[in-house]
Amino acid sequence: MSMKKWTDEELISTRNKLETWNLHHKAKGWGPRLWILTALMGAFAISTGVVFIFLDGIDVLSIILIVLGSVTCFSWYQSEKKKKETITFLAEVNSEIDRRERREEKPKAELKSNKKGAGIEGARKKESGEKNSGKEQAEKNVSDQKTVE
């Protein structure tokens, strides 16, 4: 999906929503810890189910433990994967917004530099140490006098 076709408002609203989501999930609390604990319990359920199959033979309880542990671990894996994708997408949105801001600032900076001096030619003359000819100096003096009056 190309973000270059998105409007600035869409990008900013998407960024705000993703940053809100990111802050909510990074918040201090028991949520992330309990989710990791749930994943560990899922892994423990799988291993317990496998051990019960070896010790007691195939039983319905062992199969249920393995299935529920697998579902729990898969859910944890999918949520972590989704979280990483969302954080990556947030970084892409931020870089696109920064790119657009730099692109808008660049023409403004060029306009300011053209207003300050005589353009690129004036800057080149200053760098090379060339002096204005007598005719150019006279024209400059006349224009300065008109602005004073």
Protein backbone atom coordinates (compact mmCIF):
# COMPACT_ATOMS: atom_id res chain seq x y z
CA MET A 1 0.00 0.00 0.00
CA SER A 2 1.49 3.29 -1.09
CA MET A 3 1.21 6.16 1.34
CA LYS A 4 2.30 8.66 -1.30
CA LYS A 5 -1.30 8.92 -2.51
CA TRP A 6 -2.67 9.60 0.97
CA THR A 7 -3.59 13.12 1.96
CA ASP A 8 -1.82 14.85 4.82
CA GLU A 9 -4.95 14.66 6.97
CA GLU A 10 -5.22 10.90 6.49
CA LEU A 11 -1.57 10.42 7.40
CA ILE A 12 -1.81 12.57 10.51
CA SER A 13 -5.01 10.91 11.73
CA THR A 14 -3.52 7.46 11.12
CA ARG A 15 -0.37 8.45 13.00
CA ASN A 16 -2.39 9.79 15.93
CA LYS A 17 -4.45 6.60 16.16
CA LEU A 18 -1.35 4.39 15.98
CA GLU A 19 0.50 6.44 18.57
CA THR A 20 -2.51 6.20 20.89
CA TRP A 21 -2.59 2.44 20.38
CA ASN A 22 1.16 2.22 20.96
CA LEU A 23 1.00 4.22 24.18
CA HIS A 24 -1.89 2.08 25.40
CA HIS A 25 0.06 -1.13 24.83
CA LYS A 26 3.30 0.23 26.28
CA ALA A 27 1.59 1.48 29.41
CA LYS A 28 2.81 0.18 32.72
CA GLY A 29 0.52 -2.41 34.15
CA TRP A 30 -0.28 -6.06 34.29
CA GLY A 31 -1.54 -6.45 30.72
CA PRO A 32 1.76 -7.31 28.97
CA ARG A 33 2.93 -9.41 31.92
CA LEU A 34 -0.29 -11.42 31.99
CA TRP A 35 -0.10 -11.96 28.23
CA ILE A 36 3.39 -13.41 28.57
CA LEU A 37 2.22 -15.51 31.50
CA THR A 38 -0.66 -16.79 29.35
CA ALA A 39 1.80 -17.75 26.59
CA LEU A 40 3.97 -19.60 29.11
CA MET A 41 0.92 -21.43 30.46
CA GLY A 42 0.06 -22.44 26.89
CA ALA A 43 3.54 -23.86 26.41
CA PHE A 44 3.25 -25.63 29.75
CA ALA A 45 -0.11 -27.11 28.69
CA ILE A 46 1.42 -28.46 25.47
CA SER A 47 4.34 -30.03 27.31
CA THR A 48 2.04 -31.47 30.00
CA GLY A 49 -0.23 -32.96 27.37
CA VAL A 50 2.71 -34.59 25.61
CA VAL A 51 4.08 -35.98 28.89
CA PHE A 52 0.64 -37.37 29.84
CA ILE A 53 0.44 -39.10 26.45
CA PHE A 54 3.80 -40.78 27.08
CA LEU A 55 2.93 -41.77 30.66
CA ASP A 56 -0.78 -42.63 30.46
CA GLY A 57 -1.34 -43.20 26.78
CA ILE A 58 -3.59 -41.22 24.50
CA ASP A 59 -6.36 -39.67 26.54
CA VAL A 60 -8.97 -36.99 25.80
CA LEU A 61 -7.56 -34.72 28.52
CA SER A 62 -4.07 -34.89 26.99
CA ILE A 63 -5.42 -34.00 23.54
CA ILE A 64 -7.44 -31.10 24.99
CA LEU A 65 -4.35 -29.79 26.82
CA ILE A 66 -2.26 -29.92 23.67
CA VAL A 67 -4.96 -28.22 21.55
CA LEU A 68 -5.69 -25.47 24.07
CA GLY A 69 -1.98 -24.86 24.67
CA SER A 70 -1.39 -24.65 20.92
CA VAL A 71 -4.25 -22.17 20.46
CA THR A 72 -2.94 -20.04 23.33
CA CYS A 73 0.62 -19.99 22.01
CA PHE A 74 -0.58 -19.28 18.47
CA SER A 75 -2.70 -16.37 19.74
CA TRP A 76 0.29 -14.94 21.59
CA TYR A 77 2.49 -15.33 18.50
CA GLN A 78 -0.07 -13.62 16.26
CA SER A 79 -0.52 -10.71 18.68
CA GLU A 80 3.24 -10.15 18.96
CA LYS A 81 3.56 -10.29 15.18
CA LYS A 82 0.70 -7.81 14.77
CA LYS A 83 2.27 -5.50 17.36
CA LYS A 84 5.59 -5.49 15.49
CA GLU A 85 3.84 -4.85 12.16
CA THR A 86 1.90 -1.95 13.68
CA ILE A 87 5.04 -0.39 15.14
CA THR A 88 6.78 -0.75 11.76
CA PHE A 89 3.79 0.82 10.01
CA LEU A 90 3.86 3.70 12.51
CA ALA A 91 7.53 4.27 11.69
CA GLU A 92 6.71 4.30 7.95
CA VAL A 93 3.90 6.82 8.48
CA ASN A 94 6.22 9.05 10.52
CA SER A 95 8.93 8.87 7.85
CA GLU A 96 6.39 9.75 5.12
CA ILE A 97 5.19 12.76 7.13
CA ASP A 98 8.81 13.86 7.69
CA ARG A 99 9.56 13.42 3.99
CA ARG A 100 6.60 15.61 3.05
CA GLU A 101 7.62 18.28 5.56
CA ARG A 102 11.17 18.36 4.19
CA ARG A 103 9.82 18.54 0.64
CA GLU A 104 7.65 21.54 1.59
CA GLU A 105 10.51 23.30 3.41
CA LYS A 106 12.96 22.88 0.54
CA PRO A 107 11.22 25.25 -1.94
CA LYS A 108 10.73 27.83 0.82
CA ALA A 109 14.46 27.74 1.62
CA GLU A 110 15.29 28.19 -2.08
CA LEU A 111 12.97 31.20 -2.33
CA LYS A 112 14.57 32.82 0.72
CA SER A 113 18.09 32.31 -0.67
CA ASN A 114 17.05 33.83 -4.02
CA LYS A 115 15.61 36.90 -2.27
CA LYS A 116 18.71 37.47 -0.15
CA GLY A 117 21.28 37.56 -2.93
CA ALA A 118 21.44 37.96 -6.64
CA GLY A 119 20.68 34.30 -7.08
CA ILE A 120 23.10 31.59 -7.97
CA GLU A 121 25.20 33.87 -10.15
CA GLY A 122 25.72 36.34 -7.30
CA ALA A 123 26.75 33.55 -4.97
CA ARG A 124 29.19 32.20 -7.54
CA LYS A 125 30.76 35.62 -8.02
CA LYS A 126 31.17 36.04 -4.29
CA GLU A 127 32.78 32.61 -3.98
CA SER A 128 35.15 33.17 -6.88
CA GLY A 129 36.10 36.63 -5.64
CA GLU A 130 35.00 38.47 -8.78
CA LYS A 131 34.15 42.12 -8.36
CA ASN A 132 31.26 43.88 -10.04
CA SER A 133 32.14 45.83 -13.16
CA GLY A 134 31.82 49.60 -13.13
CA LYS A 135 28.54 49.48 -15.05
CA GLU A 136 26.99 46.99 -12.62
CA GLN A 137 28.21 49.08 -9.66
CA ALA A 138 26.69 52.24 -11.14
CA GLU A 139 23.34 50.51 -11.70
CA LYS A 140 23.39 49.29 -8.11
CA ASN A 141 24.12 52.79 -6.80
CA VAL A 142 21.25 54.28 -8.87
CA SER A 143 18.81 51.66 -7.59
CA ASP A 144 19.96 52.30 -4.00
CA GLN A 145 19.38 56.02 -4.42
CA LYS A 146 15.84 55.43 -5.75
CA THR A 147 14.98 53.34 -2.71
CA VAL A 148 16.30 56.04 -0.37
CA GLU A 149 14.13 58.75 -1.98
